[in-house]
Amino acid sequence: MLLLSGCIGKHPDKLKAGDYIRYVENPRNALKGTVHSGIWNYDFQYKPSAYITLRESDPTHSDTVSFRKRTESLDRSVWFNVAISVKGEAADPLKYNIRDINEYNARLSYFLSSAAQNFHLYYGNQGEMKQIGYYFENNYSIKPVAVAVIGFSIPDTVPREPVTIEYQDRLFNAGILKFNIAPAAFKNIPRLSI
């Protein structure tokens, strides 16, 4: 089993959109981290509701009412991107070192229909949380990364307790991979200035 926990640095109280996105994506802020297993890299990225809404928004159109409604619709959930890549390679993991098209199709099928059941989220001492969404971003070999988007419901409006996301990689046999986020990392997320 491989485990990664981030460390928390200094943080501002409020940030504009671009700085907010950079804050969330900076591994020093303990919301993103990489777990390595053999030749495979697994990047775990926690996505706060404001971050998701920003990424979905049209930057030329600022409708704060719609923005707030979308952000509030994500209350009581936590979302992650899990990006899988091959260390030191610019190859799509689905195509890396395959023998034929059947092996590629088997890998694609795994991510489209089986991988979801291998993701779990544990919230504080409340045990495993219910998965509410899974989507595999098939990039058709444009990027050297395979990305799964996973969401879980939690009992709090926003995370206040430790979160552990766990993925048991049954395709590349990398074992059980875990990424932990401490409550302080959630508390330190700056407010978004919109």
N, C-alpha and C. Protein backbone atom coordinates (compact mmCIF):
# COMPACT_ATOMS: atom_id res chain seq x y z
N MET A 1 0.85 -1.17 0.00
CA MET A 1 0.00 0.00 0.00
C MET A 1 0.89 1.23 0.00
N LEU A 2 0.55 2.18 -0.85
CA LEU A 2 1.28 3.44 -0.94
C LEU A 2 0.40 4.55 -0.42
N LEU A 3 0.99 5.49 0.30
CA LEU A 3 0.23 6.56 0.94
C LEU A 3 0.95 7.87 0.73
N LEU A 4 0.18 8.91 0.49
CA LEU A 4 0.76 10.25 0.35
C LEU A 4 -0.08 11.22 1.13
N SER A 5 0.57 12.04 1.91
CA SER A 5 -0.09 13.13 2.62
C SER A 5 0.66 14.41 2.29
N GLY A 6 -0.09 15.48 2.07
CA GLY A 6 0.55 16.76 1.74
C GLY A 6 0.92 17.53 2.99
N CYS A 7 1.77 18.53 2.81
CA CYS A 7 2.09 19.43 3.91
C CYS A 7 1.53 20.81 3.58
N ILE A 8 1.22 21.53 4.59
CA ILE A 8 0.48 22.77 4.41
C ILE A 8 1.39 23.96 4.63
N GLY A 9 1.39 24.90 3.68
CA GLY A 9 2.19 26.11 3.79
C GLY A 9 1.32 27.30 4.17
N LYS A 10 1.88 28.51 4.04
CA LYS A 10 1.13 29.74 4.32
C LYS A 10 0.05 29.91 3.25
N HIS A 11 -1.01 30.60 3.63
CA HIS A 11 -2.12 30.78 2.69
C HIS A 11 -2.74 32.17 2.85
N PRO A 12 -3.24 32.71 1.75
CA PRO A 12 -3.95 34.00 1.82
C PRO A 12 -5.41 33.77 2.22
N ASP A 13 -6.11 34.86 2.57
CA ASP A 13 -7.51 34.76 2.96
C ASP A 13 -8.47 34.76 1.78
N LYS A 14 -8.13 35.50 0.73
CA LYS A 14 -9.02 35.66 -0.41
C LYS A 14 -8.19 35.80 -1.68
N LEU A 15 -8.64 35.15 -2.76
CA LEU A 15 -7.90 35.20 -4.03
C LEU A 15 -8.84 35.42 -5.21
N LYS A 16 -8.32 36.07 -6.24
CA LYS A 16 -9.04 36.19 -7.50
C LYS A 16 -8.95 34.87 -8.25
N ALA A 17 -9.78 34.69 -9.28
CA ALA A 17 -9.96 33.41 -9.97
C ALA A 17 -8.66 32.71 -10.35
N GLY A 18 -7.79 33.36 -11.09
CA GLY A 18 -6.55 32.72 -11.54
C GLY A 18 -5.66 32.28 -10.40
N ASP A 19 -5.54 33.14 -9.38
CA ASP A 19 -4.72 32.80 -8.22
C ASP A 19 -5.35 31.68 -7.40
N TYR A 20 -6.67 31.67 -7.35
CA TYR A 20 -7.39 30.61 -6.63
C TYR A 20 -7.11 29.26 -7.29
N ILE A 21 -7.21 29.20 -8.61
CA ILE A 21 -6.94 27.95 -9.33
C ILE A 21 -5.50 27.50 -9.08
N ARG A 22 -4.55 28.42 -9.16
CA ARG A 22 -3.15 28.08 -8.91
C ARG A 22 -2.95 27.58 -7.47
N TYR A 23 -3.64 28.18 -6.52
CA TYR A 23 -3.54 27.75 -5.13
C TYR A 23 -3.99 26.29 -4.99
N VAL A 24 -5.17 25.98 -5.54
CA VAL A 24 -5.72 24.63 -5.42
C VAL A 24 -4.80 23.61 -6.09
N GLU A 25 -4.20 23.98 -7.21
CA GLU A 25 -3.38 23.04 -7.97
C GLU A 25 -1.93 22.95 -7.49
N ASN A 26 -1.55 23.77 -6.52
CA ASN A 26 -0.19 23.75 -5.99
C ASN A 26 -0.05 22.65 -4.93
N PRO A 27 0.81 21.65 -5.17
CA PRO A 27 0.95 20.56 -4.20
C PRO A 27 1.35 21.01 -2.80
N ARG A 28 2.00 22.17 -2.68
CA ARG A 28 2.39 22.66 -1.34
C ARG A 28 1.19 22.94 -0.46
N ASN A 29 0.02 23.12 -1.05
CA ASN A 29 -1.18 23.43 -0.25
C ASN A 29 -1.95 22.19 0.15
N ALA A 30 -1.38 21.02 -0.10
CA ALA A 30 -1.88 19.73 0.39
C ALA A 30 -3.21 19.29 -0.20
N LEU A 31 -3.62 19.89 -1.33
CA LEU A 31 -4.86 19.49 -1.99
C LEU A 31 -4.55 18.65 -3.23
N LYS A 32 -3.29 18.53 -3.55
CA LYS A 32 -2.84 17.76 -4.71
C LYS A 32 -1.57 17.01 -4.34
N GLY A 33 -1.45 15.81 -4.85
CA GLY A 33 -0.23 15.05 -4.60
C GLY A 33 -0.10 13.89 -5.56
N THR A 34 1.09 13.36 -5.65
CA THR A 34 1.38 12.25 -6.55
C THR A 34 1.82 11.04 -5.74
N VAL A 35 1.26 9.89 -6.09
CA VAL A 35 1.68 8.62 -5.52
C VAL A 35 2.35 7.85 -6.66
N HIS A 36 3.53 7.30 -6.40
CA HIS A 36 4.27 6.54 -7.40
C HIS A 36 4.20 5.06 -7.06
N SER A 37 4.02 4.25 -8.10
CA SER A 37 4.05 2.79 -7.93
C SER A 37 4.65 2.19 -9.18
N GLY A 38 5.86 1.69 -9.05
CA GLY A 38 6.56 1.15 -10.22
C GLY A 38 6.74 2.24 -11.26
N ILE A 39 6.31 1.96 -12.49
CA ILE A 39 6.45 2.95 -13.57
C ILE A 39 5.27 3.91 -13.62
N TRP A 40 4.30 3.75 -12.74
CA TRP A 40 3.06 4.53 -12.81
C TRP A 40 3.05 5.68 -11.82
N ASN A 41 2.53 6.83 -12.27
CA ASN A 41 2.28 8.00 -11.42
C ASN A 41 0.78 8.18 -11.29
N TYR A 42 0.32 8.48 -10.09
CA TYR A 42 -1.09 8.73 -9.83
C TYR A 42 -1.19 10.11 -9.17
N ASP A 43 -1.70 11.09 -9.91
CA ASP A 43 -1.86 12.44 -9.38
C ASP A 43 -3.28 12.59 -8.87
N PHE A 44 -3.42 12.85 -7.58
CA PHE A 44 -4.71 13.07 -6.94
C PHE A 44 -4.91 14.57 -6.77
N GLN A 45 -6.00 15.11 -7.30
CA GLN A 45 -6.31 16.54 -7.19
C GLN A 45 -7.69 16.72 -6.59
N TYR A 46 -7.73 17.25 -5.36
CA TYR A 46 -9.02 17.61 -4.76
C TYR A 46 -9.54 18.86 -5.46
N LYS A 47 -10.86 18.90 -5.70
CA LYS A 47 -11.45 20.03 -6.40
C LYS A 47 -12.56 20.65 -5.55
N PRO A 48 -12.26 21.77 -4.86
CA PRO A 48 -13.32 22.45 -4.09
C PRO A 48 -14.44 22.91 -5.04
N SER A 49 -15.61 23.14 -4.49
CA SER A 49 -16.77 23.50 -5.33
C SER A 49 -16.52 24.79 -6.12
N ALA A 50 -15.87 25.79 -5.52
CA ALA A 50 -15.59 27.03 -6.26
C ALA A 50 -14.61 26.77 -7.41
N TYR A 51 -13.67 25.87 -7.20
CA TYR A 51 -12.71 25.50 -8.24
C TYR A 51 -13.44 24.85 -9.42
N ILE A 52 -14.34 23.92 -9.12
CA ILE A 52 -15.12 23.25 -10.18
C ILE A 52 -15.92 24.28 -10.95
N THR A 53 -16.60 25.16 -10.24
CA THR A 53 -17.43 26.17 -10.90
C THR A 53 -16.58 27.10 -11.75
N LEU A 54 -15.41 27.49 -11.25
CA LEU A 54 -14.51 28.32 -12.05
C LEU A 54 -14.10 27.62 -13.34
N ARG A 55 -13.75 26.35 -13.23
CA ARG A 55 -13.30 25.58 -14.39
C ARG A 55 -14.42 25.38 -15.41
N GLU A 56 -15.65 25.39 -14.95
CA GLU A 56 -16.80 25.22 -15.84
C GLU A 56 -17.28 26.55 -16.43
N SER A 57 -16.86 27.66 -15.83
CA SER A 57 -17.40 28.98 -16.19
C SER A 57 -16.77 29.56 -17.44
N ASP A 58 -17.53 30.45 -18.06
CA ASP A 58 -17.04 31.25 -19.17
C ASP A 58 -16.41 32.50 -18.56
N PRO A 59 -15.08 32.66 -18.71
CA PRO A 59 -14.41 33.80 -18.06
C PRO A 59 -14.87 35.16 -18.59
N THR A 60 -15.49 35.19 -19.76
CA THR A 60 -15.94 36.47 -20.31
C THR A 60 -17.33 36.85 -19.80
N HIS A 61 -17.99 35.91 -19.10
CA HIS A 61 -19.34 36.17 -18.61
C HIS A 61 -19.36 35.91 -17.10
N SER A 62 -19.55 36.94 -16.33
CA SER A 62 -19.55 36.76 -14.87
C SER A 62 -20.96 36.98 -14.32
N ASP A 63 -21.64 35.91 -14.09
CA ASP A 63 -22.98 35.93 -13.51
C ASP A 63 -22.85 35.34 -12.11
N THR A 64 -22.75 36.22 -11.10
CA THR A 64 -22.49 35.75 -9.74
C THR A 64 -23.63 34.91 -9.18
N VAL A 65 -24.87 35.17 -9.60
CA VAL A 65 -26.00 34.37 -9.11
C VAL A 65 -25.87 32.93 -9.60
N SER A 66 -25.63 32.75 -10.88
CA SER A 66 -25.44 31.40 -11.44
C SER A 66 -24.22 30.73 -10.83
N PHE A 67 -23.16 31.50 -10.64
CA PHE A 67 -21.93 30.95 -10.05
C PHE A 67 -22.21 30.41 -8.66
N ARG A 68 -22.90 31.22 -7.85
CA ARG A 68 -23.20 30.80 -6.47
C ARG A 68 -24.13 29.58 -6.45
N LYS A 69 -25.12 29.56 -7.33
CA LYS A 69 -26.05 28.41 -7.38
C LYS A 69 -25.30 27.13 -7.73
N ARG A 70 -24.41 27.22 -8.73
CA ARG A 70 -23.65 26.02 -9.12
C ARG A 70 -22.73 25.59 -8.00
N THR A 71 -22.08 26.53 -7.35
CA THR A 71 -21.19 26.20 -6.25
C THR A 71 -21.97 25.55 -5.11
N GLU A 72 -23.11 26.10 -4.78
CA GLU A 72 -23.95 25.53 -3.70
C GLU A 72 -24.48 24.15 -4.06
N SER A 73 -24.69 23.88 -5.35
CA SER A 73 -25.18 22.56 -5.76
C SER A 73 -24.15 21.47 -5.49
N LEU A 74 -22.91 21.87 -5.28
CA LEU A 74 -21.84 20.91 -4.99
C LEU A 74 -21.60 20.73 -3.49
N ASP A 75 -22.40 21.43 -2.66
CA ASP A 75 -22.30 21.25 -1.22
C ASP A 75 -22.52 19.77 -0.87
N ARG A 76 -21.91 19.36 0.21
CA ARG A 76 -22.03 17.99 0.72
C ARG A 76 -21.44 16.96 -0.24
N SER A 77 -20.42 17.39 -0.98
CA SER A 77 -19.72 16.44 -1.85
C SER A 77 -18.25 16.82 -1.94
N VAL A 78 -17.44 15.83 -2.25
CA VAL A 78 -16.02 16.06 -2.53
C VAL A 78 -15.71 15.41 -3.88
N TRP A 79 -14.92 16.10 -4.67
CA TRP A 79 -14.59 15.65 -6.02
C TRP A 79 -13.09 15.63 -6.21
N PHE A 80 -12.63 14.63 -6.94
CA PHE A 80 -11.22 14.47 -7.25
C PHE A 80 -11.03 14.18 -8.73
N ASN A 81 -9.91 14.65 -9.27
CA ASN A 81 -9.37 14.13 -10.52
C ASN A 81 -8.24 13.20 -10.12
N VAL A 82 -8.20 12.03 -10.73
CA VAL A 82 -7.08 11.13 -10.54
C VAL A 82 -6.48 10.90 -11.92
N ALA A 83 -5.26 11.41 -12.11
CA ALA A 83 -4.58 11.35 -13.40
C ALA A 83 -3.48 10.30 -13.34
N ILE A 84 -3.52 9.37 -14.27
CA ILE A 84 -2.54 8.29 -14.32
C ILE A 84 -1.62 8.51 -15.51
N SER A 85 -0.32 8.41 -15.26
CA SER A 85 0.66 8.57 -16.33
C SER A 85 1.80 7.59 -16.11
N VAL A 86 2.64 7.47 -17.14
CA VAL A 86 3.80 6.60 -17.09
C VAL A 86 5.02 7.47 -16.81
N LYS A 87 5.79 7.11 -15.77
CA LYS A 87 6.98 7.88 -15.40
C LYS A 87 7.93 8.04 -16.58
N GLY A 88 8.29 9.29 -16.85
CA GLY A 88 9.30 9.56 -17.87
C GLY A 88 8.89 9.26 -19.30
N GLU A 89 7.62 9.03 -19.54
CA GLU A 89 7.15 8.70 -20.88
C GLU A 89 6.10 9.71 -21.33
N ALA A 90 6.06 9.96 -22.61
CA ALA A 90 5.04 10.84 -23.19
C ALA A 90 3.98 9.98 -23.89
N ALA A 91 3.70 8.83 -23.32
CA ALA A 91 2.76 7.88 -23.91
C ALA A 91 1.45 7.85 -23.15
N ASP A 92 0.36 7.70 -23.86
CA ASP A 92 -0.95 7.49 -23.26
C ASP A 92 -0.89 6.18 -22.47
N PRO A 93 -1.24 6.18 -21.17
CA PRO A 93 -1.16 4.95 -20.39
C PRO A 93 -2.01 3.82 -20.97
N LEU A 94 -3.07 4.15 -21.67
CA LEU A 94 -3.90 3.10 -22.25
C LEU A 94 -3.19 2.40 -23.40
N LYS A 95 -2.26 3.09 -24.02
CA LYS A 95 -1.54 2.51 -25.16
C LYS A 95 -0.11 2.09 -24.82
N TYR A 96 0.31 2.40 -23.60
CA TYR A 96 1.71 2.13 -23.24
C TYR A 96 1.98 0.63 -23.24
N ASN A 97 2.96 0.22 -24.06
CA ASN A 97 3.47 -1.14 -24.07
C ASN A 97 2.38 -2.20 -24.32
N ILE A 98 1.41 -1.89 -25.18
CA ILE A 98 0.37 -2.87 -25.48
C ILE A 98 0.81 -3.77 -26.63
N ARG A 99 0.24 -4.96 -26.65
CA ARG A 99 0.56 -5.94 -27.69
C ARG A 99 -0.32 -5.76 -28.93
N ASP A 100 -1.58 -5.37 -28.70
CA ASP A 100 -2.50 -5.25 -29.83
C ASP A 100 -3.72 -4.41 -29.44
N ILE A 101 -4.60 -4.20 -30.39
CA ILE A 101 -5.80 -3.37 -30.16
C ILE A 101 -6.71 -3.97 -29.10
N ASN A 102 -6.70 -5.27 -28.94
CA ASN A 102 -7.54 -5.91 -27.92
C ASN A 102 -7.10 -5.52 -26.51
N GLU A 103 -5.80 -5.40 -26.32
CA GLU A 103 -5.30 -4.97 -25.00
C GLU A 103 -5.69 -3.52 -24.74
N TYR A 104 -5.58 -2.67 -25.74
CA TYR A 104 -6.02 -1.28 -25.60
C TYR A 104 -7.51 -1.23 -25.25
N ASN A 105 -8.32 -1.98 -25.97
CA ASN A 105 -9.77 -2.00 -25.72
C ASN A 105 -10.09 -2.51 -24.31
N ALA A 106 -9.33 -3.47 -23.84
CA ALA A 106 -9.54 -3.98 -22.47
C ALA A 106 -9.22 -2.90 -21.44
N ARG A 107 -8.14 -2.15 -21.66
CA ARG A 107 -7.79 -1.06 -20.74
C ARG A 107 -8.86 0.03 -20.76
N LEU A 108 -9.29 0.41 -21.95
CA LEU A 108 -10.34 1.42 -22.07
C LEU A 108 -11.62 0.95 -21.39
N SER A 109 -12.00 -0.28 -21.61
CA SER A 109 -13.20 -0.84 -20.99
C SER A 109 -13.11 -0.82 -19.47
N TYR A 110 -11.92 -1.14 -18.93
CA TYR A 110 -11.73 -1.09 -17.49
C TYR A 110 -12.05 0.29 -16.94
N PHE A 111 -11.49 1.33 -17.56
CA PHE A 111 -11.72 2.68 -17.06
C PHE A 111 -13.14 3.17 -17.30
N LEU A 112 -13.76 2.72 -18.37
CA LEU A 112 -15.13 3.15 -18.66
C LEU A 112 -16.16 2.45 -17.79
N SER A 113 -15.92 1.17 -17.44
CA SER A 113 -16.98 0.44 -16.75
C SER A 113 -16.62 -0.25 -15.45
N SER A 114 -15.33 -0.44 -15.15
CA SER A 114 -14.96 -1.19 -13.95
C SER A 114 -14.21 -0.39 -12.89
N ALA A 115 -13.44 0.59 -13.31
CA ALA A 115 -12.56 1.30 -12.37
C ALA A 115 -13.33 2.00 -11.25
N ALA A 116 -14.53 2.47 -11.53
CA ALA A 116 -15.30 3.23 -10.52
C ALA A 116 -15.43 2.46 -9.22
N GLN A 117 -15.64 1.17 -9.30
CA GLN A 117 -15.83 0.38 -8.08
C GLN A 117 -14.56 0.21 -7.26
N ASN A 118 -13.42 0.63 -7.82
CA ASN A 118 -12.15 0.51 -7.11
C ASN A 118 -11.71 1.80 -6.43
N PHE A 119 -12.57 2.83 -6.48
CA PHE A 119 -12.30 4.09 -5.78
C PHE A 119 -13.18 4.15 -4.53
N HIS A 120 -12.57 4.56 -3.42
CA HIS A 120 -13.29 4.66 -2.15
C HIS A 120 -12.85 5.94 -1.45
N LEU A 121 -13.75 6.51 -0.67
CA LEU A 121 -13.42 7.71 0.10
C LEU A 121 -13.83 7.48 1.55
N TYR A 122 -12.92 7.80 2.45
CA TYR A 122 -13.16 7.68 3.88
C TYR A 122 -13.12 9.07 4.49
N TYR A 123 -14.11 9.37 5.31
CA TYR A 123 -14.28 10.71 5.87
C TYR A 123 -14.22 10.65 7.38
N GLY A 124 -13.13 11.19 7.94
CA GLY A 124 -12.96 11.18 9.39
C GLY A 124 -13.11 9.78 9.94
N ASN A 125 -13.83 9.67 11.04
CA ASN A 125 -14.09 8.34 11.62
C ASN A 125 -15.48 7.84 11.22
N GLN A 126 -16.06 8.46 10.17
CA GLN A 126 -17.41 8.09 9.75
C GLN A 126 -17.43 6.97 8.71
N GLY A 127 -16.26 6.48 8.36
CA GLY A 127 -16.18 5.34 7.45
C GLY A 127 -16.26 5.75 5.99
N GLU A 128 -16.64 4.78 5.17
CA GLU A 128 -16.66 4.98 3.72
C GLU A 128 -17.88 5.78 3.30
N MET A 129 -17.66 6.73 2.40
CA MET A 129 -18.72 7.59 1.88
C MET A 129 -19.26 7.03 0.56
N LYS A 130 -20.48 7.41 0.24
CA LYS A 130 -21.13 6.93 -0.98
C LYS A 130 -20.57 7.66 -2.21
N GLN A 131 -20.23 6.88 -3.23
CA GLN A 131 -19.78 7.47 -4.49
C GLN A 131 -21.01 7.99 -5.24
N ILE A 132 -20.93 9.25 -5.71
CA ILE A 132 -22.08 9.86 -6.40
C ILE A 132 -21.79 10.17 -7.86
N GLY A 133 -20.55 9.99 -8.27
CA GLY A 133 -20.24 10.26 -9.67
C GLY A 133 -18.90 9.70 -10.07
N TYR A 134 -18.82 9.27 -11.32
CA TYR A 134 -17.57 8.79 -11.89
C TYR A 134 -17.63 9.07 -13.39
N TYR A 135 -16.53 9.59 -13.90
CA TYR A 135 -16.44 9.85 -15.33
C TYR A 135 -14.99 9.66 -15.75
N PHE A 136 -14.79 8.93 -16.84
CA PHE A 136 -13.45 8.76 -17.38
C PHE A 136 -13.30 9.67 -18.58
N GLU A 137 -12.29 10.52 -18.54
CA GLU A 137 -12.03 11.45 -19.64
C GLU A 137 -11.17 10.77 -20.69
N ASN A 138 -11.79 10.24 -21.70
CA ASN A 138 -11.04 9.60 -22.78
C ASN A 138 -10.45 10.71 -23.66
N ASN A 139 -9.14 10.84 -23.64
CA ASN A 139 -8.50 11.93 -24.39
C ASN A 139 -8.01 11.48 -25.76
N TYR A 140 -8.31 10.24 -26.14
CA TYR A 140 -7.97 9.71 -27.47
C TYR A 140 -6.49 9.92 -27.79
N SER A 141 -5.64 9.71 -26.80
CA SER A 141 -4.17 9.78 -26.93
C SER A 141 -3.63 11.18 -27.26
N ILE A 142 -4.43 12.21 -27.01
CA ILE A 142 -3.94 13.57 -27.22
C ILE A 142 -2.94 13.95 -26.14
N LYS A 143 -3.18 13.47 -24.89
CA LYS A 143 -2.28 13.77 -23.78
C LYS A 143 -1.74 12.47 -23.20
N PRO A 144 -0.56 12.50 -22.60
CA PRO A 144 0.01 11.28 -22.02
C PRO A 144 -0.51 11.00 -20.61
N VAL A 145 -1.81 11.10 -20.43
CA VAL A 145 -2.40 10.92 -19.12
C VAL A 145 -3.84 10.41 -19.27
N ALA A 146 -4.24 9.55 -18.36
CA ALA A 146 -5.63 9.08 -18.30
C ALA A 146 -6.22 9.68 -17.02
N VAL A 147 -7.39 10.33 -17.14
CA VAL A 147 -7.97 11.03 -15.99
C VAL A 147 -9.36 10.49 -15.66
N ALA A 148 -9.53 10.15 -14.39
CA ALA A 148 -10.83 9.76 -13.87
C ALA A 148 -11.31 10.86 -12.93
N VAL A 149 -12.58 11.21 -13.02
CA VAL A 149 -13.20 12.21 -12.15
C VAL A 149 -14.15 11.45 -11.24
N ILE A 150 -13.98 11.61 -9.91
CA ILE A 150 -14.77 10.84 -8.95
C ILE A 150 -15.34 11.77 -7.90
N GLY A 151 -16.62 11.58 -7.59
CA GLY A 151 -17.27 12.38 -6.56
C GLY A 151 -17.91 11.50 -5.49
N PHE A 152 -17.92 12.01 -4.26
CA PHE A 152 -18.50 11.30 -3.13
C PHE A 152 -19.34 12.26 -2.31
N SER A 153 -20.40 11.77 -1.72
CA SER A 153 -21.19 12.61 -0.81
C SER A 153 -20.55 12.56 0.58
N ILE A 154 -20.68 13.66 1.31
CA ILE A 154 -20.21 13.72 2.70
C ILE A 154 -21.32 14.36 3.53
N PRO A 155 -21.31 14.14 4.85
CA PRO A 155 -22.38 14.69 5.68
C PRO A 155 -22.27 16.19 5.95
N ASP A 156 -21.11 16.79 5.74
CA ASP A 156 -20.92 18.22 5.99
C ASP A 156 -21.04 19.01 4.68
N THR A 157 -21.40 20.29 4.80
CA THR A 157 -21.52 21.15 3.62
C THR A 157 -20.19 21.21 2.87
N VAL A 158 -19.11 21.40 3.60
CA VAL A 158 -17.75 21.35 3.05
C VAL A 158 -16.93 20.44 3.96
N PRO A 159 -15.84 19.85 3.46
CA PRO A 159 -15.06 18.93 4.31
C PRO A 159 -14.48 19.63 5.54
N ARG A 160 -14.67 19.00 6.68
CA ARG A 160 -14.15 19.51 7.94
C ARG A 160 -13.31 18.46 8.66
N GLU A 161 -13.34 17.24 8.16
CA GLU A 161 -12.62 16.13 8.78
C GLU A 161 -11.59 15.59 7.80
N PRO A 162 -10.67 14.74 8.27
CA PRO A 162 -9.69 14.16 7.36
C PRO A 162 -10.39 13.38 6.24
N VAL A 163 -9.83 13.47 5.04
CA VAL A 163 -10.34 12.76 3.88
C VAL A 163 -9.23 11.86 3.35
N THR A 164 -9.58 10.62 3.08
CA THR A 164 -8.66 9.69 2.44
C THR A 164 -9.35 9.12 1.21
N ILE A 165 -8.76 9.36 0.04
CA ILE A 165 -9.25 8.73 -1.18
C ILE A 165 -8.33 7.54 -1.45
N GLU A 166 -8.96 6.43 -1.79
CA GLU A 166 -8.22 5.20 -2.01
C GLU A 166 -8.57 4.64 -3.38
N TYR A 167 -7.57 4.18 -4.09
CA TYR A 167 -7.78 3.55 -5.39
C TYR A 167 -7.00 2.26 -5.44
N GLN A 168 -7.69 1.16 -5.69
CA GLN A 168 -7.00 -0.11 -5.88
C GLN A 168 -6.90 -0.35 -7.38
N ASP A 169 -5.69 -0.20 -7.89
CA ASP A 169 -5.46 -0.33 -9.33
C ASP A 169 -5.42 -1.79 -9.71
N ARG A 170 -6.51 -2.26 -10.30
CA ARG A 170 -6.59 -3.66 -10.72
C ARG A 170 -6.18 -3.83 -12.18
N LEU A 171 -5.90 -2.74 -12.88
CA LEU A 171 -5.47 -2.83 -14.27
C LEU A 171 -3.96 -2.94 -14.36
N PHE A 172 -3.25 -2.02 -13.74
CA PHE A 172 -1.79 -2.01 -13.80
C PHE A 172 -1.15 -2.68 -12.59
N ASN A 173 -2.00 -3.23 -11.71
CA ASN A 173 -1.54 -3.96 -10.52
C ASN A 173 -0.59 -3.16 -9.66
N ALA A 174 -0.92 -1.90 -9.44
CA ALA A 174 -0.08 -1.02 -8.64
C ALA A 174 -0.41 -1.10 -7.15
N GLY A 175 -1.39 -1.89 -6.78
CA GLY A 175 -1.75 -2.03 -5.38
C GLY A 175 -2.79 -1.01 -4.95
N ILE A 176 -2.86 -0.81 -3.64
CA ILE A 176 -3.80 0.15 -3.07
C ILE A 176 -3.07 1.47 -2.88
N LEU A 177 -3.60 2.51 -3.52
CA LEU A 177 -2.99 3.84 -3.48
C LEU A 177 -3.88 4.76 -2.66
N LYS A 178 -3.30 5.53 -1.76
CA LYS A 178 -4.08 6.42 -0.89
C LYS A 178 -3.50 7.83 -0.90
N PHE A 179 -4.42 8.79 -0.86
CA PHE A 179 -4.03 10.19 -0.71
C PHE A 179 -4.87 10.78 0.42
N ASN A 180 -4.20 11.37 1.40
CA ASN A 180 -4.87 11.94 2.58
C ASN A 180 -4.85 13.46 2.53
N ILE A 181 -5.94 14.05 3.00
CA ILE A 181 -5.99 15.50 3.17
C ILE A 181 -6.44 15.77 4.61
N ALA A 182 -5.63 16.54 5.32
CA ALA A 182 -5.93 16.88 6.71
C ALA A 182 -6.96 18.01 6.77
N PRO A 183 -7.72 18.11 7.85
CA PRO A 183 -8.72 19.18 7.99
C PRO A 183 -8.13 20.58 7.80
N ALA A 184 -6.89 20.79 8.23
CA ALA A 184 -6.27 22.12 8.10
C ALA A 184 -6.16 22.55 6.64
N ALA A 185 -5.92 21.60 5.74
CA ALA A 185 -5.82 21.94 4.31
C ALA A 185 -7.15 22.48 3.79
N PHE A 186 -8.25 21.90 4.24
CA PHE A 186 -9.57 22.39 3.82
C PHE A 186 -9.84 23.76 4.44
N LYS A 187 -9.49 23.89 5.71
CA LYS A 187 -9.72 25.16 6.41
C LYS A 187 -8.90 26.29 5.79
N ASN A 188 -7.73 25.97 5.28
CA ASN A 188 -6.83 26.98 4.73
C ASN A 188 -7.18 27.41 3.30
N ILE A 189 -8.12 26.77 2.67
CA ILE A 189 -8.47 27.15 1.30
C ILE A 189 -9.01 28.58 1.33
N PRO A 190 -8.39 29.48 0.58
CA PRO A 190 -8.87 30.88 0.59
C PRO A 190 -10.27 31.00 0.01
N ARG A 191 -10.94 32.06 0.38
CA ARG A 191 -12.22 32.37 -0.26
C ARG A 191 -11.94 32.89 -1.64
N LEU A 192 -12.89 32.72 -2.53
CA LEU A 192 -12.75 33.19 -3.89
C LEU A 192 -13.35 34.58 -4.00
N SER A 193 -12.60 35.48 -4.56
CA SER A 193 -13.08 36.85 -4.82
C SER A 193 -13.71 36.88 -6.20
N ILE A 194 -15.06 37.00 -6.25
CA ILE A 194 -15.74 37.04 -7.55
C ILE A 194 -16.44 38.37 -7.78
